Structures are given as C-alpha cells and as structure tokens.
Amino acid sequence: MTLDGDRATGDSYTIAHHLFTADDGERRIMIAALRYLDQFVKRDGTWLFAERRLIVDWTETRSSTPRSPPDNTKAVA
C-alpha cells in the first residue's frame, strides 16, 4: 500500500473458487487468480474506495466430483 496524504493505492491478491452446475447437469468448479488494483480516498476521517480495477490473471474450469465422507463406523482396537 502507498499512502499520499488523503489518497492511497493498494493491490490485493486472491484465488476464487466457484462451484456450479453446468447446463448439462455436471458439477463443475471454476478457479481464478485475481488481483484488485485499488485507489482510496479519505473523506471526513473515513477511508473509502475511490476506484477498484479487477485483473484476472488466469482461470481454470474443470469437473468437480464430491468426495465421499470418511467411514467413521469402523471399530477402534
């Protein structure tokens, strides 16, 4: 983050995971690497977003099959 009086800029990075059901009924997952390039302004003592730009670095969509839950019914010796 860079601060300049009542203005500031900053970058944020994230990986987003979106599960969805496709039109064909298949469960899918879309994974995206994202960056936010933000500009902030301080007004009346409160920091506010002045501008937010979204950069998509990459995405991947693939089938997503849920895992079976672990079998917790086994006896412990």
N, C-alpha and C. Protein backbone atom coordinates (compact mmCIF):
# COMPACT_ATOMS: atom_id res chain seq x y z
N MET A 1 0.85 -1.16 0.00
CA MET A 1 0.00 0.00 0.00
C MET A 1 0.90 1.23 0.00
N THR A 2 0.47 2.24 -0.75
CA THR A 2 1.18 3.51 -0.82
C THR A 2 0.25 4.61 -0.33
N LEU A 3 0.73 5.38 0.64
CA LEU A 3 -0.07 6.44 1.24
C LEU A 3 0.48 7.79 0.80
N ASP A 4 -0.42 8.68 0.38
CA ASP A 4 -0.04 10.02 -0.05
C ASP A 4 -1.11 10.99 0.45
N GLY A 5 -0.95 11.44 1.70
CA GLY A 5 -1.93 12.35 2.31
C GLY A 5 -3.27 11.68 2.48
N ASP A 6 -4.30 12.24 1.85
CA ASP A 6 -5.65 11.69 1.93
C ASP A 6 -5.98 10.75 0.77
N ARG A 7 -4.94 10.28 0.09
CA ARG A 7 -5.12 9.31 -1.00
C ARG A 7 -4.19 8.14 -0.77
N ALA A 8 -4.58 6.99 -1.27
CA ALA A 8 -3.74 5.80 -1.13
C ALA A 8 -4.05 4.84 -2.29
N THR A 9 -3.10 3.98 -2.58
CA THR A 9 -3.30 2.91 -3.55
C THR A 9 -2.85 1.61 -2.92
N GLY A 10 -3.41 0.51 -3.38
CA GLY A 10 -3.02 -0.79 -2.86
C GLY A 10 -3.45 -1.90 -3.79
N ASP A 11 -2.73 -3.01 -3.74
CA ASP A 11 -3.03 -4.19 -4.55
C ASP A 11 -3.41 -5.33 -3.61
N SER A 12 -4.42 -6.10 -4.01
CA SER A 12 -4.85 -7.28 -3.26
C SER A 12 -4.85 -8.47 -4.21
N TYR A 13 -4.49 -9.63 -3.69
CA TYR A 13 -4.44 -10.85 -4.48
C TYR A 13 -5.35 -11.89 -3.85
N THR A 14 -6.02 -12.68 -4.69
CA THR A 14 -6.88 -13.74 -4.17
C THR A 14 -7.01 -14.86 -5.20
N ILE A 15 -7.41 -16.03 -4.71
CA ILE A 15 -7.80 -17.13 -5.57
C ILE A 15 -9.25 -17.44 -5.24
N ALA A 16 -10.11 -17.37 -6.24
CA ALA A 16 -11.55 -17.59 -6.06
C ALA A 16 -11.92 -18.97 -6.56
N HIS A 17 -12.80 -19.65 -5.81
CA HIS A 17 -13.31 -20.97 -6.19
C HIS A 17 -14.83 -20.86 -6.32
N HIS A 18 -15.36 -21.19 -7.48
CA HIS A 18 -16.80 -21.11 -7.71
C HIS A 18 -17.31 -22.47 -8.17
N LEU A 19 -18.15 -23.10 -7.34
CA LEU A 19 -18.80 -24.35 -7.71
C LEU A 19 -20.12 -24.03 -8.38
N PHE A 20 -20.44 -24.77 -9.44
CA PHE A 20 -21.71 -24.56 -10.12
C PHE A 20 -22.12 -25.84 -10.85
N THR A 21 -23.36 -25.89 -11.24
CA THR A 21 -23.88 -26.99 -12.04
C THR A 21 -24.05 -26.48 -13.46
N ALA A 22 -23.38 -27.13 -14.40
CA ALA A 22 -23.43 -26.72 -15.80
C ALA A 22 -24.80 -27.06 -16.39
N ASP A 23 -25.07 -26.53 -17.58
CA ASP A 23 -26.34 -26.78 -18.26
C ASP A 23 -26.59 -28.27 -18.48
N ASP A 24 -25.53 -29.05 -18.62
CA ASP A 24 -25.68 -30.49 -18.84
C ASP A 24 -25.85 -31.27 -17.53
N GLY A 25 -25.92 -30.55 -16.38
CA GLY A 25 -26.12 -31.19 -15.09
C GLY A 25 -24.84 -31.59 -14.38
N GLU A 26 -23.69 -31.41 -15.03
CA GLU A 26 -22.40 -31.78 -14.42
C GLU A 26 -21.97 -30.73 -13.40
N ARG A 27 -21.51 -31.20 -12.25
CA ARG A 27 -20.95 -30.30 -11.24
C ARG A 27 -19.56 -29.88 -11.69
N ARG A 28 -19.28 -28.57 -11.67
CA ARG A 28 -18.00 -28.05 -12.14
C ARG A 28 -17.46 -27.06 -11.12
N ILE A 29 -16.15 -26.80 -11.22
CA ILE A 29 -15.51 -25.78 -10.40
C ILE A 29 -14.69 -24.87 -11.31
N MET A 30 -14.82 -23.57 -11.07
CA MET A 30 -14.01 -22.59 -11.77
C MET A 30 -13.11 -21.94 -10.73
N ILE A 31 -11.81 -21.97 -11.00
CA ILE A 31 -10.81 -21.38 -10.12
C ILE A 31 -10.18 -20.21 -10.87
N ALA A 32 -10.05 -19.08 -10.18
CA ALA A 32 -9.49 -17.89 -10.82
C ALA A 32 -8.48 -17.22 -9.90
N ALA A 33 -7.36 -16.82 -10.47
CA ALA A 33 -6.38 -15.99 -9.76
C ALA A 33 -6.67 -14.55 -10.12
N LEU A 34 -6.97 -13.74 -9.10
CA LEU A 34 -7.42 -12.37 -9.30
C LEU A 34 -6.53 -11.38 -8.57
N ARG A 35 -6.49 -10.16 -9.11
CA ARG A 35 -5.84 -9.04 -8.43
C ARG A 35 -6.79 -7.86 -8.46
N TYR A 36 -6.82 -7.13 -7.38
CA TYR A 36 -7.56 -5.88 -7.31
C TYR A 36 -6.56 -4.74 -7.19
N LEU A 37 -6.68 -3.76 -8.06
CA LEU A 37 -5.84 -2.56 -8.01
C LEU A 37 -6.75 -1.44 -7.50
N ASP A 38 -6.53 -1.05 -6.26
CA ASP A 38 -7.45 -0.14 -5.58
C ASP A 38 -6.85 1.25 -5.39
N GLN A 39 -7.74 2.25 -5.45
CA GLN A 39 -7.41 3.61 -5.07
C GLN A 39 -8.38 4.00 -3.97
N PHE A 40 -7.86 4.64 -2.95
CA PHE A 40 -8.66 5.03 -1.80
C PHE A 40 -8.57 6.54 -1.60
N VAL A 41 -9.59 7.08 -0.96
CA VAL A 41 -9.60 8.49 -0.60
C VAL A 41 -10.13 8.60 0.82
N LYS A 42 -9.55 9.51 1.59
CA LYS A 42 -10.00 9.74 2.97
C LYS A 42 -10.90 10.97 2.98
N ARG A 43 -12.17 10.75 3.41
CA ARG A 43 -13.15 11.84 3.48
C ARG A 43 -13.76 11.86 4.87
N ASP A 44 -13.70 13.02 5.51
CA ASP A 44 -14.26 13.18 6.86
C ASP A 44 -13.74 12.12 7.82
N GLY A 45 -12.44 11.80 7.68
CA GLY A 45 -11.80 10.85 8.59
C GLY A 45 -12.04 9.39 8.28
N THR A 46 -12.73 9.09 7.18
CA THR A 46 -13.04 7.70 6.82
C THR A 46 -12.41 7.37 5.47
N TRP A 47 -11.73 6.21 5.39
CA TRP A 47 -11.15 5.76 4.13
C TRP A 47 -12.23 5.08 3.30
N LEU A 48 -12.32 5.50 2.03
CA LEU A 48 -13.31 4.96 1.09
C LEU A 48 -12.63 4.50 -0.18
N PHE A 49 -13.26 3.55 -0.87
CA PHE A 49 -12.78 3.17 -2.19
C PHE A 49 -13.09 4.30 -3.17
N ALA A 50 -12.10 4.72 -3.92
CA ALA A 50 -12.31 5.70 -4.99
C ALA A 50 -12.42 4.98 -6.33
N GLU A 51 -11.67 3.89 -6.48
CA GLU A 51 -11.69 3.12 -7.72
C GLU A 51 -11.17 1.72 -7.42
N ARG A 52 -11.74 0.72 -8.10
CA ARG A 52 -11.26 -0.66 -7.98
C ARG A 52 -11.22 -1.26 -9.37
N ARG A 53 -10.03 -1.75 -9.75
CA ARG A 53 -9.87 -2.44 -11.03
C ARG A 53 -9.61 -3.91 -10.74
N LEU A 54 -10.28 -4.77 -11.48
CA LEU A 54 -10.12 -6.22 -11.34
C LEU A 54 -9.27 -6.73 -12.49
N ILE A 55 -8.20 -7.46 -12.15
CA ILE A 55 -7.34 -8.09 -13.14
C ILE A 55 -7.49 -9.60 -12.96
N VAL A 56 -7.83 -10.31 -14.03
CA VAL A 56 -7.92 -11.78 -13.99
C VAL A 56 -6.63 -12.31 -14.58
N ASP A 57 -5.80 -12.93 -13.74
CA ASP A 57 -4.52 -13.47 -14.21
C ASP A 57 -4.70 -14.79 -14.93
N TRP A 58 -5.54 -15.66 -14.41
CA TRP A 58 -5.85 -16.92 -15.09
C TRP A 58 -7.11 -17.53 -14.49
N THR A 59 -7.75 -18.41 -15.28
CA THR A 59 -8.90 -19.18 -14.81
C THR A 59 -8.75 -20.61 -15.28
N GLU A 60 -9.38 -21.50 -14.55
CA GLU A 60 -9.42 -22.92 -14.93
C GLU A 60 -10.79 -23.44 -14.52
N THR A 61 -11.45 -24.13 -15.44
CA THR A 61 -12.74 -24.76 -15.14
C THR A 61 -12.61 -26.24 -15.40
N ARG A 62 -13.08 -27.04 -14.44
CA ARG A 62 -12.99 -28.50 -14.57
C ARG A 62 -14.12 -29.17 -13.82
N SER A 63 -14.26 -30.47 -14.07
CA SER A 63 -15.26 -31.26 -13.37
C SER A 63 -14.94 -31.29 -11.88
N SER A 64 -15.98 -31.36 -11.06
CA SER A 64 -15.79 -31.40 -9.61
C SER A 64 -16.67 -32.51 -9.03
N THR A 65 -16.05 -33.59 -8.65
CA THR A 65 -16.78 -34.71 -8.07
C THR A 65 -16.62 -34.66 -6.56
N PRO A 66 -17.73 -34.57 -5.82
CA PRO A 66 -17.61 -34.53 -4.36
C PRO A 66 -16.99 -35.81 -3.82
N ARG A 67 -16.19 -35.67 -2.79
CA ARG A 67 -15.60 -36.84 -2.13
C ARG A 67 -16.63 -37.47 -1.21
N SER A 68 -16.50 -38.78 -1.05
CA SER A 68 -17.35 -39.48 -0.09
C SER A 68 -16.86 -39.14 1.31
N PRO A 69 -17.78 -39.02 2.27
CA PRO A 69 -17.33 -38.77 3.64
C PRO A 69 -16.56 -39.96 4.17
N PRO A 70 -15.65 -39.73 5.13
CA PRO A 70 -14.88 -40.85 5.68
C PRO A 70 -15.81 -41.82 6.41
N ASP A 71 -15.41 -43.08 6.39
CA ASP A 71 -16.18 -44.13 7.08
C ASP A 71 -15.77 -44.14 8.54
N ASN A 72 -16.60 -43.55 9.38
CA ASN A 72 -16.30 -43.47 10.82
C ASN A 72 -16.99 -44.57 11.61
N THR A 73 -17.45 -45.60 10.91
CA THR A 73 -18.17 -46.67 11.60
C THR A 73 -17.26 -47.81 12.00
N LYS A 74 -15.99 -47.78 11.61
CA LYS A 74 -15.06 -48.86 11.94
C LYS A 74 -14.73 -48.83 13.43
N ALA A 75 -14.64 -50.00 14.02
CA ALA A 75 -14.29 -50.12 15.43
C ALA A 75 -12.82 -49.79 15.63
N VAL A 76 -12.52 -49.16 16.73
CA VAL A 76 -11.14 -48.82 17.06
C VAL A 76 -10.64 -49.87 18.02
N ALA A 77 -9.48 -50.47 17.69
CA ALA A 77 -8.94 -51.55 18.54
C ALA A 77 -8.15 -50.98 19.69
